[in-house]
């Protein structure tokens, strides 16, 4: 059944698809969804994680926000860190 009646149906329809997850701590994760549960714990593969970190810059009063990227083969995402889940954002 391809319809979305319950919130988790959207996640169910994304199994084996690439998804975008926004997490607490200014982190974003994109990867292929393999498994999830009712707590939004998820297992993803082919993952790119972007962590936005404030770094002090000599000579500047305000810290700069830098994006730290890393590739991860397989990852477990704990559901309580998840803020948002969506299909990957299309980049023009």
PDB file of N, CA and C in Angstrom:
ATOM      1  N   UNK A   1       0.857  -1.196   0.000  1.00  0.00           N
ATOM      2  CA  UNK A   1       0.000   0.000   0.000  1.00  0.00           C
ATOM      3  C   UNK A   1       0.890   1.242   0.000  1.00  0.00           C
ATOM      4  N   UNK A   2       0.663   2.140  -0.953  1.00  0.00           N
ATOM      5  CA  UNK A   2       1.538   3.290  -1.132  1.00  0.00           C
ATOM      6  C   UNK A   2       0.971   4.575  -0.531  1.00  0.00           C
ATOM      7  N   UNK A   3      -0.113   4.487   0.259  1.00  0.00           N
ATOM      8  CA  UNK A   3      -0.708   5.720   0.779  1.00  0.00           C
ATOM      9  C   UNK A   3      -0.117   6.067   2.144  1.00  0.00           C
ATOM     10  N   UNK A   4      -0.218   7.345   2.497  1.00  0.00           N
ATOM     11  CA  UNK A   4       0.276   7.833   3.779  1.00  0.00           C
ATOM     12  C   UNK A   4      -0.923   8.183   4.647  1.00  0.00           C
ATOM     13  N   UNK A   5      -1.190   7.338   5.648  1.00  0.00           N
ATOM     14  CA  UNK A   5      -2.297   7.586   6.566  1.00  0.00           C
ATOM     15  C   UNK A   5      -1.790   7.880   7.971  1.00  0.00           C
ATOM     16  N   UNK A   6      -0.682   7.268   8.339  1.00  0.00           N
ATOM     17  CA  UNK A   6      -0.052   7.491   9.637  1.00  0.00           C
ATOM     18  C   UNK A   6       1.297   8.166   9.386  1.00  0.00           C
ATOM     19  N   UNK A   7       1.789   8.951  10.353  1.00  0.00           N
ATOM     20  CA  UNK A   7       3.072   9.628  10.132  1.00  0.00           C
ATOM     21  C   UNK A   7       4.212   8.691   9.731  1.00  0.00           C
ATOM     22  N   UNK A   8       4.284   7.516  10.358  1.00  0.00           N
ATOM     23  CA  UNK A   8       5.395   6.614  10.042  1.00  0.00           C
ATOM     24  C   UNK A   8       5.259   5.975   8.661  1.00  0.00           C
ATOM     25  N   UNK A   9       4.084   6.103   8.023  1.00  0.00           N
ATOM     26  CA  UNK A   9       3.940   5.578   6.655  1.00  0.00           C
ATOM     27  C   UNK A   9       4.911   6.271   5.708  1.00  0.00           C
ATOM     28  N   UNK A  10       5.167   7.556   5.950  1.00  0.00           N
ATOM     29  CA  UNK A  10       6.110   8.282   5.101  1.00  0.00           C
ATOM     30  C   UNK A  10       7.500   7.659   5.199  1.00  0.00           C
ATOM     31  N   UNK A  11       7.875   7.253   6.410  1.00  0.00           N
ATOM     32  CA  UNK A  11       9.173   6.597   6.606  1.00  0.00           C
ATOM     33  C   UNK A  11       9.150   5.217   5.942  1.00  0.00           C
ATOM     34  N   UNK A  12       8.045   4.483   6.136  1.00  0.00           N
ATOM     35  CA  UNK A  12       7.939   3.141   5.548  1.00  0.00           C
ATOM     36  C   UNK A  12       8.103   3.189   4.036  1.00  0.00           C
ATOM     37  N   UNK A  13       7.511   4.192   3.393  1.00  0.00           N
ATOM     38  CA  UNK A  13       7.605   4.308   1.937  1.00  0.00           C
ATOM     39  C   UNK A  13       9.005   4.712   1.484  1.00  0.00           C
ATOM     40  N   UNK A  14       9.850   5.120   2.434  1.00  0.00           N
ATOM     41  CA  UNK A  14      11.208   5.545   2.093  1.00  0.00           C
ATOM     42  C   UNK A  14      12.241   4.441   2.282  1.00  0.00           C
ATOM     43  N   UNK A  15      11.803   3.233   2.655  1.00  0.00           N
ATOM     44  CA  UNK A  15      12.750   2.121   2.803  1.00  0.00           C
ATOM     45  C   UNK A  15      13.462   1.903   1.468  1.00  0.00           C
ATOM     46  N   UNK A  16      14.777   1.733   1.538  1.00  0.00           N
ATOM     47  CA  UNK A  16      15.653   1.554   0.364  1.00  0.00           C
ATOM     48  C   UNK A  16      15.771   2.804  -0.500  1.00  0.00           C
ATOM     49  N   UNK A  17      15.223   3.925  -0.032  1.00  0.00           N
ATOM     50  CA  UNK A  17      15.366   5.200  -0.748  1.00  0.00           C
ATOM     51  C   UNK A  17      16.341   6.087   0.020  1.00  0.00           C
ATOM     52  N   UNK A  18      16.848   7.110  -0.668  1.00  0.00           N
ATOM     53  CA  UNK A  18      17.702   8.084   0.007  1.00  0.00           C
ATOM     54  C   UNK A  18      16.811   9.087   0.739  1.00  0.00           C
ATOM     55  N   UNK A  19      17.194   9.401   1.983  1.00  0.00           N
ATOM     56  CA  UNK A  19      16.440  10.369   2.772  1.00  0.00           C
ATOM     57  C   UNK A  19      17.389  11.414   3.355  1.00  0.00           C
ATOM     58  N   UNK A  20      16.786  12.494   3.832  1.00  0.00           N
ATOM     59  CA  UNK A  20      17.500  13.589   4.481  1.00  0.00           C
ATOM     60  C   UNK A  20      17.005  13.666   5.917  1.00  0.00           C
ATOM     61  N   UNK A  21      17.940  13.707   6.871  1.00  0.00           N
ATOM     62  CA  UNK A  21      17.583  13.797   8.286  1.00  0.00           C
ATOM     63  C   UNK A  21      18.272  15.014   8.887  1.00  0.00           C
ATOM     64  N   UNK A  22      17.495  15.852   9.555  1.00  0.00           N
ATOM     65  CA  UNK A  22      18.069  16.962  10.316  1.00  0.00           C
ATOM     66  C   UNK A  22      18.076  16.519  11.769  1.00  0.00           C
ATOM     67  N   UNK A  23      19.235  16.635  12.406  1.00  0.00           N
ATOM     68  CA  UNK A  23      19.401  16.148  13.774  1.00  0.00           C
ATOM     69  C   UNK A  23      19.711  17.291  14.731  1.00  0.00           C
ATOM     70  N   UNK A  24      19.552  16.982  16.016  1.00  0.00           N
ATOM     71  CA  UNK A  24      19.978  17.931  17.040  1.00  0.00           C
ATOM     72  C   UNK A  24      21.489  18.106  16.940  1.00  0.00           C
ATOM     73  N   UNK A  25      21.977  19.222  17.464  1.00  0.00           N
ATOM     74  CA  UNK A  25      23.414  19.469  17.427  1.00  0.00           C
ATOM     75  C   UNK A  25      23.885  19.959  16.073  1.00  0.00           C
ATOM     76  N   UNK A  26      22.993  20.583  15.293  1.00  0.00           N
ATOM     77  CA  UNK A  26      23.359  21.157  13.988  1.00  0.00           C
ATOM     78  C   UNK A  26      24.018  20.137  13.068  1.00  0.00           C
ATOM     79  N   UNK A  27      23.381  18.970  12.937  1.00  0.00           N
ATOM     80  CA  UNK A  27      23.894  17.940  12.037  1.00  0.00           C
ATOM     81  C   UNK A  27      22.830  17.587  11.016  1.00  0.00           C
ATOM     82  N   UNK A  28      23.290  17.289   9.802  1.00  0.00           N
ATOM     83  CA  UNK A  28      22.404  16.813   8.740  1.00  0.00           C
ATOM     84  C   UNK A  28      22.970  15.505   8.215  1.00  0.00           C
ATOM     85  N   UNK A  29      22.079  14.577   7.917  1.00  0.00           N
ATOM     86  CA  UNK A  29      22.495  13.265   7.420  1.00  0.00           C
ATOM     87  C   UNK A  29      21.691  12.948   6.171  1.00  0.00           C
ATOM     88  N   UNK A  30      22.394  12.506   5.141  1.00  0.00           N
ATOM     89  CA  UNK A  30      21.740  12.001   3.930  1.00  0.00           C
ATOM     90  C   UNK A  30      22.229  10.578   3.729  1.00  0.00           C
ATOM     91  N   UNK A  31      21.297   9.667   3.443  1.00  0.00           N
ATOM     92  CA  UNK A  31      21.704   8.288   3.220  1.00  0.00           C
ATOM     93  C   UNK A  31      20.521   7.435   2.801  1.00  0.00           C
ATOM     94  N   UNK A  32      20.822   6.156   2.535  1.00  0.00           N
ATOM     95  CA  UNK A  32      19.804   5.207   2.108  1.00  0.00           C
ATOM     96  C   UNK A  32      19.242   4.512   3.344  1.00  0.00           C
ATOM     97  N   UNK A  33      17.916   4.595   3.517  1.00  0.00           N
ATOM     98  CA  UNK A  33      17.256   4.043   4.706  1.00  0.00           C
ATOM     99  C   UNK A  33      17.089   2.532   4.577  1.00  0.00           C
ATOM    100  N   UNK A  34      17.558   1.802   5.601  1.00  0.00           N
ATOM    101  CA  UNK A  34      17.409   0.342   5.600  1.00  0.00           C
ATOM    102  C   UNK A  34      16.386  -0.142   6.615  1.00  0.00           C
ATOM    103  N   UNK A  35      16.321   0.508   7.773  1.00  0.00           N
ATOM    104  CA  UNK A  35      15.415   0.044   8.825  1.00  0.00           C
ATOM    105  C   UNK A  35      15.078   1.210   9.745  1.00  0.00           C
ATOM    106  N   UNK A  36      13.913   1.103  10.403  1.00  0.00           N
ATOM    107  CA  UNK A  36      13.492   2.116  11.372  1.00  0.00           C
ATOM    108  C   UNK A  36      12.552   1.449  12.364  1.00  0.00           C
ATOM    109  N   UNK A  37      12.300   2.129  13.479  1.00  0.00           N
ATOM    110  CA  UNK A  37      11.284   1.645  14.417  1.00  0.00           C
ATOM    111  C   UNK A  37      10.387   2.805  14.847  1.00  0.00           C
ATOM    112  N   UNK A  38       9.476   2.531  15.781  1.00  0.00           N
ATOM    113  CA  UNK A  38       8.497   3.551  16.164  1.00  0.00           C
ATOM    114  C   UNK A  38       9.136   4.727  16.886  1.00  0.00           C
ATOM    115  N   UNK A  39      10.388   4.576  17.355  1.00  0.00           N
ATOM    116  CA  UNK A  39      11.093   5.679  18.022  1.00  0.00           C
ATOM    117  C   UNK A  39      11.883   6.529  17.031  1.00  0.00           C
ATOM    118  N   UNK A  40      11.822   6.167  15.750  1.00  0.00           N
ATOM    119  CA  UNK A  40      12.599   6.807  14.687  1.00  0.00           C
ATOM    120  C   UNK A  40      14.084   6.491  14.776  1.00  0.00           C
ATOM    121  N   UNK A  41      14.442   5.434  15.529  1.00  0.00           N
ATOM    122  CA  UNK A  41      15.792   4.897  15.382  1.00  0.00           C
ATOM    123  C   UNK A  41      15.889   4.416  13.944  1.00  0.00           C
ATOM    124  N   UNK A  42      17.021   4.693  13.277  1.00  0.00           N
ATOM    125  CA  UNK A  42      17.147   4.333  11.866  1.00  0.00           C
ATOM    126  C   UNK A  42      18.534   3.797  11.561  1.00  0.00           C
ATOM    127  N   UNK A  43      18.595   2.904  10.582  1.00  0.00           N
ATOM    128  CA  UNK A  43      19.866   2.419  10.048  1.00  0.00           C
ATOM    129  C   UNK A  43      19.952   2.884   8.604  1.00  0.00           C
ATOM    130  N   UNK A  44      21.062   3.568   8.270  1.00  0.00           N
ATOM    131  CA  UNK A  44      21.270   4.082   6.919  1.00  0.00           C
ATOM    132  C   UNK A  44      22.627   3.636   6.399  1.00  0.00           C
ATOM    133  N   UNK A  45      22.724   3.550   5.069  1.00  0.00           N
ATOM    134  CA  UNK A  45      24.012   3.279   4.427  1.00  0.00           C
ATOM    135  C   UNK A  45      24.313   4.392   3.439  1.00  0.00           C
ATOM    136  N   UNK A  46      25.536   4.361   2.892  1.00  0.00           N
ATOM    137  CA  UNK A  46      25.978   5.359   1.899  1.00  0.00           C
ATOM    138  C   UNK A  46      25.699   6.764   2.437  1.00  0.00           C
ATOM    139  N   UNK A  47      26.179   7.022   3.635  1.00  0.00           N
ATOM    140  CA  UNK A  47      25.806   8.219   4.389  1.00  0.00           C
ATOM    141  C   UNK A  47      26.789   9.363   4.163  1.00  0.00           C
ATOM    142  N   UNK A  48      26.239  10.568   4.036  1.00  0.00           N
ATOM    143  CA  UNK A  48      27.035  11.787   4.147  1.00  0.00           C
ATOM    144  C   UNK A  48      26.499  12.554   5.342  1.00  0.00           C
ATOM    145  N   UNK A  49      27.390  12.849   6.289  1.00  0.00           N
ATOM    146  CA  UNK A  49      27.018  13.638   7.462  1.00  0.00           C
ATOM    147  C   UNK A  49      27.659  15.011   7.334  1.00  0.00           C
ATOM    148  N   UNK A  50      26.876  16.041   7.609  1.00  0.00           N
ATOM    149  CA  UNK A  50      27.400  17.405   7.649  1.00  0.00           C
ATOM    150  C   UNK A  50      27.142  17.942   9.050  1.00  0.00           C
ATOM    151  N   UNK A  51      28.223  18.295   9.744  1.00  0.00           N
ATOM    152  CA  UNK A  51      28.111  18.889  11.075  1.00  0.00           C
ATOM    153  C   UNK A  51      28.528  20.350  10.968  1.00  0.00           C
ATOM    154  N   UNK A  52      27.662  21.231  11.432  1.00  0.00           N
ATOM    155  CA  UNK A  52      27.953  22.666  11.399  1.00  0.00           C
ATOM    156  C   UNK A  52      28.556  23.063  12.742  1.00  0.00           C
ATOM    157  N   UNK A  53      29.818  23.515  12.698  1.00  0.00           N
ATOM    158  CA  UNK A  53      30.590  23.774  13.913  1.00  0.00           C
ATOM    159  C   UNK A  53      31.028  25.232  13.935  1.00  0.00           C
ATOM    160  N   UNK A  54      30.872  25.875  15.084  1.00  0.00           N
ATOM    161  CA  UNK A  54      31.365  27.251  15.239  1.00  0.00           C
ATOM    162  C   UNK A  54      32.857  27.198  15.543  1.00  0.00           C
ATOM    163  N   UNK A  55      33.635  27.939  14.763  1.00  0.00           N
ATOM    164  CA  UNK A  55      35.084  27.978  14.973  1.00  0.00           C
ATOM    165  C   UNK A  55      35.530  29.422  15.126  1.00  0.00           C
ATOM    166  N   UNK A  56      36.372  29.654  16.140  1.00  0.00           N
ATOM    167  CA  UNK A  56      36.923  30.995  16.331  1.00  0.00           C
ATOM    168  C   UNK A  56      37.919  31.297  15.226  1.00  0.00           C
ATOM    169  N   UNK A  57      37.854  32.514  14.714  1.00  0.00           N
ATOM    170  CA  UNK A  57      38.764  32.957  13.661  1.00  0.00           C
ATOM    171  C   UNK A  57      39.612  34.090  14.228  1.00  0.00           C
ATOM    172  N   UNK A  58      40.954  33.952  14.157  1.00  0.00           N
ATOM    173  CA  UNK A  58      41.810  35.022  14.689  1.00  0.00           C
ATOM    174  C   UNK A  58      41.480  36.362  14.030  1.00  0.00           C
ATOM    175  N   UNK A  59      41.339  37.404  14.845  1.00  0.00           N
ATOM    176  CA  UNK A  59      41.072  38.733  14.320  1.00  0.00           C
ATOM    177  C   UNK A  59      39.597  39.047  14.118  1.00  0.00           C
ATOM    178  N   UNK A  60      38.727  38.070  14.387  1.00  0.00           N
ATOM    179  CA  UNK A  60      37.284  38.320  14.246  1.00  0.00           C
ATOM    180  C   UNK A  60      36.610  38.125  15.598  1.00  0.00           C
ATOM    181  N   UNK A  61      35.603  38.981  15.849  1.00  0.00           N
ATOM    182  CA  UNK A  61      34.875  38.868  17.116  1.00  0.00           C
ATOM    183  C   UNK A  61      33.924  37.676  17.105  1.00  0.00           C
ATOM    184  N   UNK A  62      33.264  37.470  15.961  1.00  0.00           N
ATOM    185  CA  UNK A  62      32.256  36.410  15.859  1.00  0.00           C
ATOM    186  C   UNK A  62      32.878  35.124  15.323  1.00  0.00           C
ATOM    187  N   UNK A  63      32.532  33.980  15.914  1.00  0.00           N
ATOM    188  CA  UNK A  63      33.012  32.714  15.330  1.00  0.00           C
ATOM    189  C   UNK A  63      32.338  32.456  13.987  1.00  0.00           C
ATOM    190  N   UNK A  64      33.039  31.756  13.105  1.00  0.00           N
ATOM    191  CA  UNK A  64      32.466  31.374  11.812  1.00  0.00           C
ATOM    192  C   UNK A  64      31.865  29.984  11.932  1.00  0.00           C
ATOM    193  N   UNK A  65      30.812  29.752  11.160  1.00  0.00           N
ATOM    194  CA  UNK A  65      30.215  28.417  11.130  1.00  0.00           C
ATOM    195  C   UNK A  65      30.808  27.668   9.948  1.00  0.00           C
ATOM    196  N   UNK A  66      31.467  26.541  10.255  1.00  0.00           N
ATOM    197  CA  UNK A  66      32.101  25.730   9.218  1.00  0.00           C
ATOM    198  C   UNK A  66      31.319  24.426   9.077  1.00  0.00           C
ATOM    199  N   UNK A  67      31.209  23.945   7.845  1.00  0.00           N
ATOM    200  CA  UNK A  67      30.546  22.663   7.592  1.00  0.00           C
ATOM    201  C   UNK A  67      31.607  21.573   7.513  1.00  0.00           C
ATOM    202  N   UNK A  68      31.538  20.613   8.420  1.00  0.00           N
ATOM    203  CA  UNK A  68      32.443  19.467   8.403  1.00  0.00           C
ATOM    204  C   UNK A  68      31.691  18.293   7.787  1.00  0.00           C
ATOM    205  N   UNK A  69      32.195  17.780   6.662  1.00  0.00           N
ATOM    206  CA  UNK A  69      31.534  16.676   5.965  1.00  0.00           C
ATOM    207  C   UNK A  69      32.331  15.396   6.156  1.00  0.00           C
ATOM    208  N   UNK A  70      31.611  14.282   6.258  1.00  0.00           N
ATOM    209  CA  UNK A  70      32.291  12.986   6.254  1.00  0.00           C
ATOM    210  C   UNK A  70      31.366  11.944   5.660  1.00  0.00           C
ATOM    211  N   UNK A  71      31.970  10.975   5.011  1.00  0.00           N
ATOM    212  CA  UNK A  71      31.227   9.851   4.468  1.00  0.00           C
ATOM    213  C   UNK A  71      31.290   8.691   5.438  1.00  0.00           C
ATOM    214  N   UNK A  72      30.175   8.001   5.593  1.00  0.00           N
ATOM    215  CA  UNK A  72      30.092   6.865   6.514  1.00  0.00           C
ATOM    216  C   UNK A  72      29.394   5.730   5.776  1.00  0.00           C
ATOM    217  N   UNK A  73      29.968   4.528   5.867  1.00  0.00           N
ATOM    218  CA  UNK A  73      29.409   3.396   5.123  1.00  0.00           C
ATOM    219  C   UNK A  73      28.040   2.985   5.668  1.00  0.00           C
ATOM    220  N   UNK A  74      27.936   2.868   7.006  1.00  0.00           N
ATOM    221  CA  UNK A  74      26.689   2.425   7.639  1.00  0.00           C
ATOM    222  C   UNK A  74      26.581   3.138   8.975  1.00  0.00           C
ATOM    223  N   UNK A  75      25.366   3.587   9.324  1.00  0.00           N
ATOM    224  CA  UNK A  75      25.205   4.347  10.565  1.00  0.00           C
ATOM    225  C   UNK A  75      23.867   4.003  11.221  1.00  0.00           C
ATOM    226  N   UNK A  76      23.875   4.027  12.555  1.00  0.00           N
ATOM    227  CA  UNK A  76      22.648   3.912  13.353  1.00  0.00           C
ATOM    228  C   UNK A  76      22.351   5.305  13.890  1.00  0.00           C
ATOM    229  N   UNK A  77      21.161   5.815  13.606  1.00  0.00           N
ATOM    230  CA  UNK A  77      20.759   7.134  14.103  1.00  0.00           C
ATOM    231  C   UNK A  77      19.742   6.918  15.209  1.00  0.00           C
ATOM    232  N   UNK A  78      20.035   7.438  16.385  1.00  0.00           N
ATOM    233  CA  UNK A  78      19.116   7.297  17.515  1.00  0.00           C
ATOM    234  C   UNK A  78      17.939   8.251  17.327  1.00  0.00           C
ATOM    235  N   UNK A  79      16.746   7.743  17.514  1.00  0.00           N
ATOM    236  CA  UNK A  79      15.544   8.510  17.213  1.00  0.00           C
ATOM    237  C   UNK A  79      15.390   9.802  17.986  1.00  0.00           C
ATOM    238  N   UNK A  80      15.903   9.857  19.221  1.00  0.00           N
ATOM    239  CA  UNK A  80      15.692  11.085  19.997  1.00  0.00           C
ATOM    240  C   UNK A  80      16.545  12.246  19.510  1.00  0.00           C
ATOM    241  N   UNK A  81      17.458  11.987  18.561  1.00  0.00           N
ATOM    242  CA  UNK A  81      18.241  13.093  17.995  1.00  0.00           C
ATOM    243  C   UNK A  81      17.621  13.625  16.701  1.00  0.00           C
ATOM    244  N   UNK A  82      16.557  12.958  16.210  1.00  0.00           N
ATOM    245  CA  UNK A  82      15.964  13.330  14.920  1.00  0.00           C
ATOM    246  C   UNK A  82      14.995  14.497  15.090  1.00  0.00           C
ATOM    247  N   UNK A  83      15.178  15.539  14.277  1.00  0.00           N
ATOM    248  CA  UNK A  83      14.251  16.673  14.249  1.00  0.00           C
ATOM    249  C   UNK A  83      13.310  16.552  13.060  1.00  0.00           C
ATOM    250  N   UNK A  84      13.846  16.163  11.899  1.00  0.00           N
ATOM    251  CA  UNK A  84      13.068  16.177  10.659  1.00  0.00           C
ATOM    252  C   UNK A  84      13.569  15.064   9.748  1.00  0.00           C
ATOM    253  N   UNK A  85      12.644  14.440   9.030  1.00  0.00           N
ATOM    254  CA  UNK A  85      12.993  13.443   8.013  1.00  0.00           C
ATOM    255  C   UNK A  85      12.259  13.817   6.738  1.00  0.00           C
ATOM    256  N   UNK A  86      12.966  13.827   5.612  1.00  0.00           N
ATOM    257  CA  UNK A  86      12.295  14.120   4.343  1.00  0.00           C
ATOM    258  C   UNK A  86      13.015  13.405   3.216  1.00  0.00           C
ATOM    259  N   UNK A  87      12.345  13.307   2.069  1.00  0.00           N
ATOM    260  CA  UNK A  87      13.080  12.873   0.889  1.00  0.00           C
ATOM    261  C   UNK A  87      14.213  13.867   0.676  1.00  0.00           C
ATOM    262  N   UNK A  88      15.296  13.463  -0.001  1.00  0.00           N
ATOM    263  CA  UNK A  88      16.427  14.385  -0.127  1.00  0.00           C
ATOM    264  C   UNK A  88      15.998  15.679  -0.811  1.00  0.00           C
ATOM    265  N   UNK A  89      16.538  16.787  -0.347  1.00  0.00           N
ATOM    266  CA  UNK A  89      16.210  18.075  -0.933  1.00  0.00           C
ATOM    267  C   UNK A  89      16.852  18.145  -2.305  1.00  0.00           C
ATOM    268  N   UNK A  90      16.055  18.450  -3.298  1.00  0.00           N
ATOM    269  CA  UNK A  90      16.567  18.529  -4.671  1.00  0.00           C
ATOM    270  C   UNK A  90      17.429  19.776  -4.813  1.00  0.00           C
ATOM    271  N   UNK A  91      18.639  19.594  -5.326  1.00  0.00           N
ATOM    272  CA  UNK A  91      19.501  20.750  -5.568  1.00  0.00           C
ATOM    273  C   UNK A  91      19.459  21.063  -7.050  1.00  0.00           C
ATOM    274  N   UNK A  92      19.233  22.314  -7.362  1.00  0.00           N
ATOM    275  CA  UNK A  92      19.061  22.729  -8.762  1.00  0.00           C
ATOM    276  C   UNK A  92      20.370  22.620  -9.522  1.00  0.00           C
TER     277      UNK A  92
END
